[in-house]
Amino acid sequence: MFPIPQCVFLTRGVGVHRHRLTAFEYALRDADIEQQNLVAVSSIVPAGCEVVPVERGVATLQPGEITFTVLARAETDEPGRRVTASIGLARPKEPTLYGYISEHHGYGMTERESGDHAEDLAATMLASTLGVEFDPDAAWNERKKVYETSELIVESLSLTAAAEGAPNGDWTCAVAAAVFRFVKLDGLS
């Protein structure tokens, strides 16, 4: 059985290169997670898992380590095409309950639109789990007010990497990741 992550950090990066895989590698470098063996996991923030600053989380990484992430990735070789990769995160106020992470891979959206969408997805999944009543057809900013006043959700946030396709047709890759760590980094959220 795997241990339960103690903390998570969010990171993002953009890479450009004539080869698709190398553009992805450069995006991981920009996000400072290129030396990891990334394993994609789904969308649960364990109870008690702290959100820590990227600098502190990256400092715990060791090259070659198996590293569990929720990864968003969008790429294009079309000049000027907008790509976004976003991670949304929502945690309940009650520390014994789990939260949610969402990933969004977007085209044509602004950085804010993509981030709001990812945050909305995570917060809505958490709200529905907690039994918060809301109108699923309401705009995100209206639902966010409901979530904030419910006193059941302690925070929701997002992080987005956004880029436009390189003018010369090189591959442009945007990544955003929630990176789980199995070490406790107290007092950093």
C-alpha atoms as a PDB file:
ATOM      1  CA  MET A   1       0.000   0.000   0.000  1.00  0.00           C
ATOM      2  CA  PHE A   2       1.283   3.462  -0.900  1.00  0.00           C
ATOM      3  CA  PRO A   3       1.548   6.093   1.814  1.00  0.00           C
ATOM      4  CA  ILE A   4      -0.862   9.034   1.749  1.00  0.00           C
ATOM      5  CA  PRO A   5       0.571  12.337   0.468  1.00  0.00           C
ATOM      6  CA  GLN A   6       1.245  14.877   3.207  1.00  0.00           C
ATOM      7  CA  CYS A   7       1.466  17.925   0.953  1.00  0.00           C
ATOM      8  CA  VAL A   8       0.942  19.096  -2.610  1.00  0.00           C
ATOM      9  CA  PHE A   9       2.303  21.971  -4.649  1.00  0.00           C
ATOM     10  CA  LEU A  10       1.156  23.509  -7.918  1.00  0.00           C
ATOM     11  CA  THR A  11       3.517  24.355 -10.744  1.00  0.00           C
ATOM     12  CA  ARG A  12       3.370  25.337 -14.406  1.00  0.00           C
ATOM     13  CA  GLY A  13       5.579  25.729 -17.445  1.00  0.00           C
ATOM     14  CA  VAL A  14       5.728  26.396 -21.172  1.00  0.00           C
ATOM     15  CA  GLY A  15       8.117  24.922 -23.722  1.00  0.00           C
ATOM     16  CA  VAL A  16       8.709  25.485 -27.437  1.00  0.00           C
ATOM     17  CA  HIS A  17      10.674  23.271 -29.824  1.00  0.00           C
ATOM     18  CA  ARG A  18      10.411  21.843 -33.316  1.00  0.00           C
ATOM     19  CA  HIS A  19       9.811  18.377 -31.845  1.00  0.00           C
ATOM     20  CA  ARG A  20       6.652  17.771 -29.828  1.00  0.00           C
ATOM     21  CA  LEU A  21       8.337  15.647 -27.155  1.00  0.00           C
ATOM     22  CA  THR A  22      11.120  18.174 -26.656  1.00  0.00           C
ATOM     23  CA  ALA A  23       8.573  20.988 -26.275  1.00  0.00           C
ATOM     24  CA  PHE A  24       6.950  18.892 -23.528  1.00  0.00           C
ATOM     25  CA  GLU A  25      10.355  18.351 -21.892  1.00  0.00           C
ATOM     26  CA  TYR A  26      11.026  22.105 -21.981  1.00  0.00           C
ATOM     27  CA  ALA A  27       7.625  22.792 -20.408  1.00  0.00           C
ATOM     28  CA  LEU A  28       8.449  20.321 -17.608  1.00  0.00           C
ATOM     29  CA  ARG A  29      11.821  22.080 -17.163  1.00  0.00           C
ATOM     30  CA  ASP A  30      10.057  25.428 -16.917  1.00  0.00           C
ATOM     31  CA  ALA A  31       7.797  23.873 -14.250  1.00  0.00           C
ATOM     32  CA  ASP A  32      10.901  22.467 -12.482  1.00  0.00           C
ATOM     33  CA  ILE A  33       9.681  18.841 -12.563  1.00  0.00           C
ATOM     34  CA  GLU A  34      11.585  17.470 -15.571  1.00  0.00           C
ATOM     35  CA  GLN A  35      13.843  15.202 -13.515  1.00  0.00           C
ATOM     36  CA  GLN A  36      10.940  13.199 -12.125  1.00  0.00           C
ATOM     37  CA  ASN A  37       9.313  10.003 -13.320  1.00  0.00           C
ATOM     38  CA  LEU A  38       5.798  11.400 -13.400  1.00  0.00           C
ATOM     39  CA  VAL A  39       2.882   9.117 -12.664  1.00  0.00           C
ATOM     40  CA  ALA A  40      -0.570  10.488 -13.434  1.00  0.00           C
ATOM     41  CA  VAL A  41      -3.129  10.109 -10.671  1.00  0.00           C
ATOM     42  CA  SER A  42      -6.717  11.231 -10.398  1.00  0.00           C
ATOM     43  CA  SER A  43      -8.286  14.058  -8.526  1.00  0.00           C
ATOM     44  CA  ILE A  44      -8.376  13.597  -4.743  1.00  0.00           C
ATOM     45  CA  VAL A  45      -6.558  15.799  -2.219  1.00  0.00           C
ATOM     46  CA  PRO A  46      -6.203  13.567   0.866  1.00  0.00           C
ATOM     47  CA  ALA A  47      -7.553  14.791   4.198  1.00  0.00           C
ATOM     48  CA  GLY A  48      -4.928  16.875   5.961  1.00  0.00           C
ATOM     49  CA  CYS A  49      -2.796  17.306   2.833  1.00  0.00           C
ATOM     50  CA  GLU A  50      -1.267  20.790   2.959  1.00  0.00           C
ATOM     51  CA  VAL A  51      -0.821  23.064  -0.051  1.00  0.00           C
ATOM     52  CA  VAL A  52       2.777  24.322   0.012  1.00  0.00           C
ATOM     53  CA  PRO A  53       4.647  26.893  -2.090  1.00  0.00           C
ATOM     54  CA  VAL A  54       6.254  25.545  -5.257  1.00  0.00           C
ATOM     55  CA  GLU A  55       9.778  26.431  -4.091  1.00  0.00           C
ATOM     56  CA  ARG A  56       9.436  24.345  -0.934  1.00  0.00           C
ATOM     57  CA  GLY A  57       7.853  21.426  -2.755  1.00  0.00           C
ATOM     58  CA  VAL A  58      10.466  21.376  -5.526  1.00  0.00           C
ATOM     59  CA  ALA A  59      13.226  21.364  -2.885  1.00  0.00           C
ATOM     60  CA  THR A  60      12.016  17.922  -1.713  1.00  0.00           C
ATOM     61  CA  LEU A  61      12.295  16.318  -5.172  1.00  0.00           C
ATOM     62  CA  GLN A  62      15.079  13.894  -6.061  1.00  0.00           C
ATOM     63  CA  PRO A  63      16.051  13.192  -9.697  1.00  0.00           C
ATOM     64  CA  GLY A  64      14.564   9.928 -10.953  1.00  0.00           C
ATOM     65  CA  GLU A  65      12.006   9.695  -8.163  1.00  0.00           C
ATOM     66  CA  ILE A  66       8.563   8.268  -8.930  1.00  0.00           C
ATOM     67  CA  THR A  67       6.384  11.359  -8.495  1.00  0.00           C
ATOM     68  CA  PHE A  68       2.594  11.338  -8.411  1.00  0.00           C
ATOM     69  CA  THR A  69       0.929  14.243 -10.206  1.00  0.00           C
ATOM     70  CA  VAL A  70      -2.321  15.486 -11.600  1.00  0.00           C
ATOM     71  CA  LEU A  71      -1.096  16.862 -14.927  1.00  0.00           C
ATOM     72  CA  ALA A  72      -2.768  19.147 -17.453  1.00  0.00           C
ATOM     73  CA  ARG A  73      -1.086  19.397 -20.858  1.00  0.00           C
ATOM     74  CA  ALA A  74      -2.028  21.269 -24.025  1.00  0.00           C
ATOM     75  CA  GLU A  75       0.086  21.644 -27.123  1.00  0.00           C
ATOM     76  CA  THR A  76      -0.087  22.977 -30.649  1.00  0.00           C
ATOM     77  CA  ASP A  77       2.011  23.438 -33.753  1.00  0.00           C
ATOM     78  CA  GLU A  78      -0.399  26.012 -35.190  1.00  0.00           C
ATOM     79  CA  PRO A  79       1.063  29.532 -35.201  1.00  0.00           C
ATOM     80  CA  GLY A  80      -0.887  31.852 -32.902  1.00  0.00           C
ATOM     81  CA  ARG A  81      -3.232  29.179 -31.511  1.00  0.00           C
ATOM     82  CA  ARG A  82      -3.793  29.770 -27.801  1.00  0.00           C
ATOM     83  CA  VAL A  83      -3.230  26.798 -25.479  1.00  0.00           C
ATOM     84  CA  THR A  84      -3.831  26.609 -21.746  1.00  0.00           C
ATOM     85  CA  ALA A  85      -3.205  23.959 -19.123  1.00  0.00           C
ATOM     86  CA  SER A  86      -4.849  24.549 -15.749  1.00  0.00           C
ATOM     87  CA  ILE A  87      -5.059  22.877 -12.374  1.00  0.00           C
ATOM     88  CA  GLY A  88      -7.913  23.693  -9.989  1.00  0.00           C
ATOM     89  CA  LEU A  89      -7.930  22.722  -6.323  1.00  0.00           C
ATOM     90  CA  ALA A  90     -10.648  22.874  -3.667  1.00  0.00           C
ATOM     91  CA  ARG A  91     -10.336  21.834  -0.027  1.00  0.00           C
ATOM     92  CA  PRO A  92     -13.048  21.503   2.619  1.00  0.00           C
ATOM     93  CA  LYS A  93     -12.953  23.484   5.847  1.00  0.00           C
ATOM     94  CA  GLU A  94     -13.161  20.234   7.818  1.00  0.00           C
ATOM     95  CA  PRO A  95      -9.556  18.875   7.787  1.00  0.00           C
ATOM     96  CA  THR A  96     -10.667  15.249   8.145  1.00  0.00           C
ATOM     97  CA  LEU A  97     -12.392  15.365   4.738  1.00  0.00           C
ATOM     98  CA  TYR A  98     -10.801  15.093   1.314  1.00  0.00           C
ATOM     99  CA  GLY A  99     -10.762  17.712  -1.429  1.00  0.00           C
ATOM    100  CA  TYR A 100     -10.576  17.728  -5.210  1.00  0.00           C
ATOM    101  CA  ILE A 101      -8.125  18.612  -7.944  1.00  0.00           C
ATOM    102  CA  SER A 102      -9.205  19.132 -11.533  1.00  0.00           C
ATOM    103  CA  GLU A 103      -7.195  19.503 -14.696  1.00  0.00           C
ATOM    104  CA  HIS A 104      -8.230  21.404 -17.789  1.00  0.00           C
ATOM    105  CA  HIS A 105      -6.541  21.310 -21.190  1.00  0.00           C
ATOM    106  CA  GLY A 106      -7.822  24.245 -23.211  1.00  0.00           C
ATOM    107  CA  TYR A 107      -7.639  25.883 -26.608  1.00  0.00           C
ATOM    108  CA  GLY A 108      -8.614  29.451 -27.420  1.00  0.00           C
ATOM    109  CA  MET A 109      -9.235  30.445 -23.786  1.00  0.00           C
ATOM    110  CA  THR A 110      -7.493  33.194 -21.863  1.00  0.00           C
ATOM    111  CA  GLU A 111      -5.382  32.298 -18.848  1.00  0.00           C
ATOM    112  CA  ARG A 112      -8.111  33.563 -16.515  1.00  0.00           C
ATOM    113  CA  GLU A 113     -10.930  31.724 -18.318  1.00  0.00           C
ATOM    114  CA  SER A 114      -9.016  28.453 -18.186  1.00  0.00           C
ATOM    115  CA  GLY A 115      -8.053  28.912 -14.515  1.00  0.00           C
ATOM    116  CA  ASP A 116     -11.605  29.841 -13.531  1.00  0.00           C
ATOM    117  CA  HIS A 117     -12.895  26.767 -15.376  1.00  0.00           C
ATOM    118  CA  ALA A 118     -10.466  24.439 -13.577  1.00  0.00           C
ATOM    119  CA  GLU A 119     -11.229  26.021 -10.191  1.00  0.00           C
ATOM    120  CA  ASP A 120     -14.948  25.778 -10.914  1.00  0.00           C
ATOM    121  CA  LEU A 121     -14.634  22.064 -11.735  1.00  0.00           C
ATOM    122  CA  ALA A 122     -12.766  21.288  -8.483  1.00  0.00           C
ATOM    123  CA  ALA A 123     -15.039  23.435  -6.300  1.00  0.00           C
ATOM    124  CA  THR A 124     -18.195  22.029  -7.874  1.00  0.00           C
ATOM    125  CA  MET A 125     -17.050  18.430  -7.335  1.00  0.00           C
ATOM    126  CA  LEU A 126     -16.272  19.240  -3.702  1.00  0.00           C
ATOM    127  CA  ALA A 127     -19.511  21.167  -3.169  1.00  0.00           C
ATOM    128  CA  SER A 128     -21.592  18.303  -4.535  1.00  0.00           C
ATOM    129  CA  THR A 129     -19.760  15.854  -2.248  1.00  0.00           C
ATOM    130  CA  LEU A 130     -20.368  18.091   0.772  1.00  0.00           C
ATOM    131  CA  GLY A 131     -24.041  18.549  -0.048  1.00  0.00           C
ATOM    132  CA  VAL A 132     -23.804  22.273  -0.760  1.00  0.00           C
ATOM    133  CA  GLU A 133     -26.908  23.286  -2.687  1.00  0.00           C
ATOM    134  CA  PHE A 134     -26.178  25.311  -5.805  1.00  0.00           C
ATOM    135  CA  ASP A 135     -27.524  25.986  -9.258  1.00  0.00           C
ATOM    136  CA  PRO A 136     -25.272  24.051 -11.667  1.00  0.00           C
ATOM    137  CA  ASP A 137     -26.323  26.390 -14.476  1.00  0.00           C
ATOM    138  CA  ALA A 138     -25.315  29.550 -12.597  1.00  0.00           C
ATOM    139  CA  ALA A 139     -22.158  31.413 -13.610  1.00  0.00           C
ATOM    140  CA  TRP A 140     -18.928  30.457 -11.810  1.00  0.00           C
ATOM    141  CA  ASN A 141     -18.712  33.736  -9.875  1.00  0.00           C
ATOM    142  CA  GLU A 142     -22.274  33.196  -8.556  1.00  0.00           C
ATOM    143  CA  ARG A 143     -21.529  29.601  -7.485  1.00  0.00           C
ATOM    144  CA  LYS A 144     -18.226  30.721  -5.930  1.00  0.00           C
ATOM    145  CA  LYS A 145     -20.138  33.118  -3.659  1.00  0.00           C
ATOM    146  CA  VAL A 146     -22.414  30.249  -2.583  1.00  0.00           C
ATOM    147  CA  TYR A 147     -19.393  28.049  -1.844  1.00  0.00           C
ATOM    148  CA  GLU A 148     -17.670  30.807   0.147  1.00  0.00           C
ATOM    149  CA  THR A 149     -20.753  31.510   2.263  1.00  0.00           C
ATOM    150  CA  SER A 150     -21.454  27.825   2.914  1.00  0.00           C
ATOM    151  CA  GLU A 151     -18.504  27.729   5.347  1.00  0.00           C
ATOM    152  CA  LEU A 152     -17.830  24.170   4.174  1.00  0.00           C
ATOM    153  CA  ILE A 153     -15.076  24.993   1.683  1.00  0.00           C
ATOM    154  CA  VAL A 154     -11.871  26.535   3.058  1.00  0.00           C
ATOM    155  CA  GLU A 155     -10.270  27.421  -0.257  1.00  0.00           C
ATOM    156  CA  SER A 156     -10.376  26.996  -3.986  1.00  0.00           C
ATOM    157  CA  LEU A 157      -7.623  28.101  -6.319  1.00  0.00           C
ATOM    158  CA  SER A 158      -6.127  27.501  -9.726  1.00  0.00           C
ATOM    159  CA  LEU A 159      -2.856  27.759 -11.619  1.00  0.00           C
ATOM    160  CA  THR A 160      -2.597  28.055 -15.400  1.00  0.00           C
ATOM    161  CA  ALA A 161       0.129  27.903 -18.023  1.00  0.00           C
ATOM    162  CA  ALA A 162      -0.882  29.796 -21.166  1.00  0.00           C
ATOM    163  CA  ALA A 163       0.911  30.314 -24.458  1.00  0.00           C
ATOM    164  CA  GLU A 164       0.359  31.046 -28.133  1.00  0.00           C
ATOM    165  CA  GLY A 165       1.647  28.707 -30.800  1.00  0.00           C
ATOM    166  CA  ALA A 166       5.098  29.673 -32.059  1.00  0.00           C
ATOM    167  CA  PRO A 167       5.002  31.876 -35.187  1.00  0.00           C
ATOM    168  CA  ASN A 168       7.248  29.458 -37.105  1.00  0.00           C
ATOM    169  CA  GLY A 169       5.062  26.392 -36.425  1.00  0.00           C
ATOM    170  CA  ASP A 170       7.283  24.849 -33.756  1.00  0.00           C
ATOM    171  CA  TRP A 171       5.460  22.861 -31.096  1.00  0.00           C
ATOM    172  CA  THR A 172       4.314  24.909 -28.109  1.00  0.00           C
ATOM    173  CA  CYS A 173       3.431  22.976 -24.955  1.00  0.00           C
ATOM    174  CA  ALA A 174       1.806  24.277 -21.756  1.00  0.00           C
ATOM    175  CA  VAL A 175       1.706  22.161 -18.584  1.00  0.00           C
ATOM    176  CA  ALA A 176       0.261  22.673 -15.127  1.00  0.00           C
ATOM    177  CA  ALA A 177       0.625  20.115 -12.358  1.00  0.00           C
ATOM    178  CA  ALA A 178      -0.375  19.347  -8.813  1.00  0.00           C
ATOM    179  CA  VAL A 179       2.601  17.438  -7.413  1.00  0.00           C
ATOM    180  CA  PHE A 180       2.094  15.210  -4.375  1.00  0.00           C
ATOM    181  CA  ARG A 181       4.790  14.797  -1.733  1.00  0.00           C
ATOM    182  CA  PHE A 182       4.982  12.249   1.063  1.00  0.00           C
ATOM    183  CA  VAL A 183       6.867  14.514   3.467  1.00  0.00           C
ATOM    184  CA  LYS A 184       5.334  16.929   5.955  1.00  0.00           C
ATOM    185  CA  LEU A 185       6.420  20.554   5.437  1.00  0.00           C
ATOM    186  CA  ASP A 186       4.829  22.294   8.408  1.00  0.00           C
ATOM    187  CA  GLY A 187       3.615  25.857   8.337  1.00  0.00           C
ATOM    188  CA  LEU A 188       3.993  26.440   4.635  1.00  0.00           C
ATOM    189  CA  SER A 189       0.473  26.732   3.285  1.00  0.00           C
END
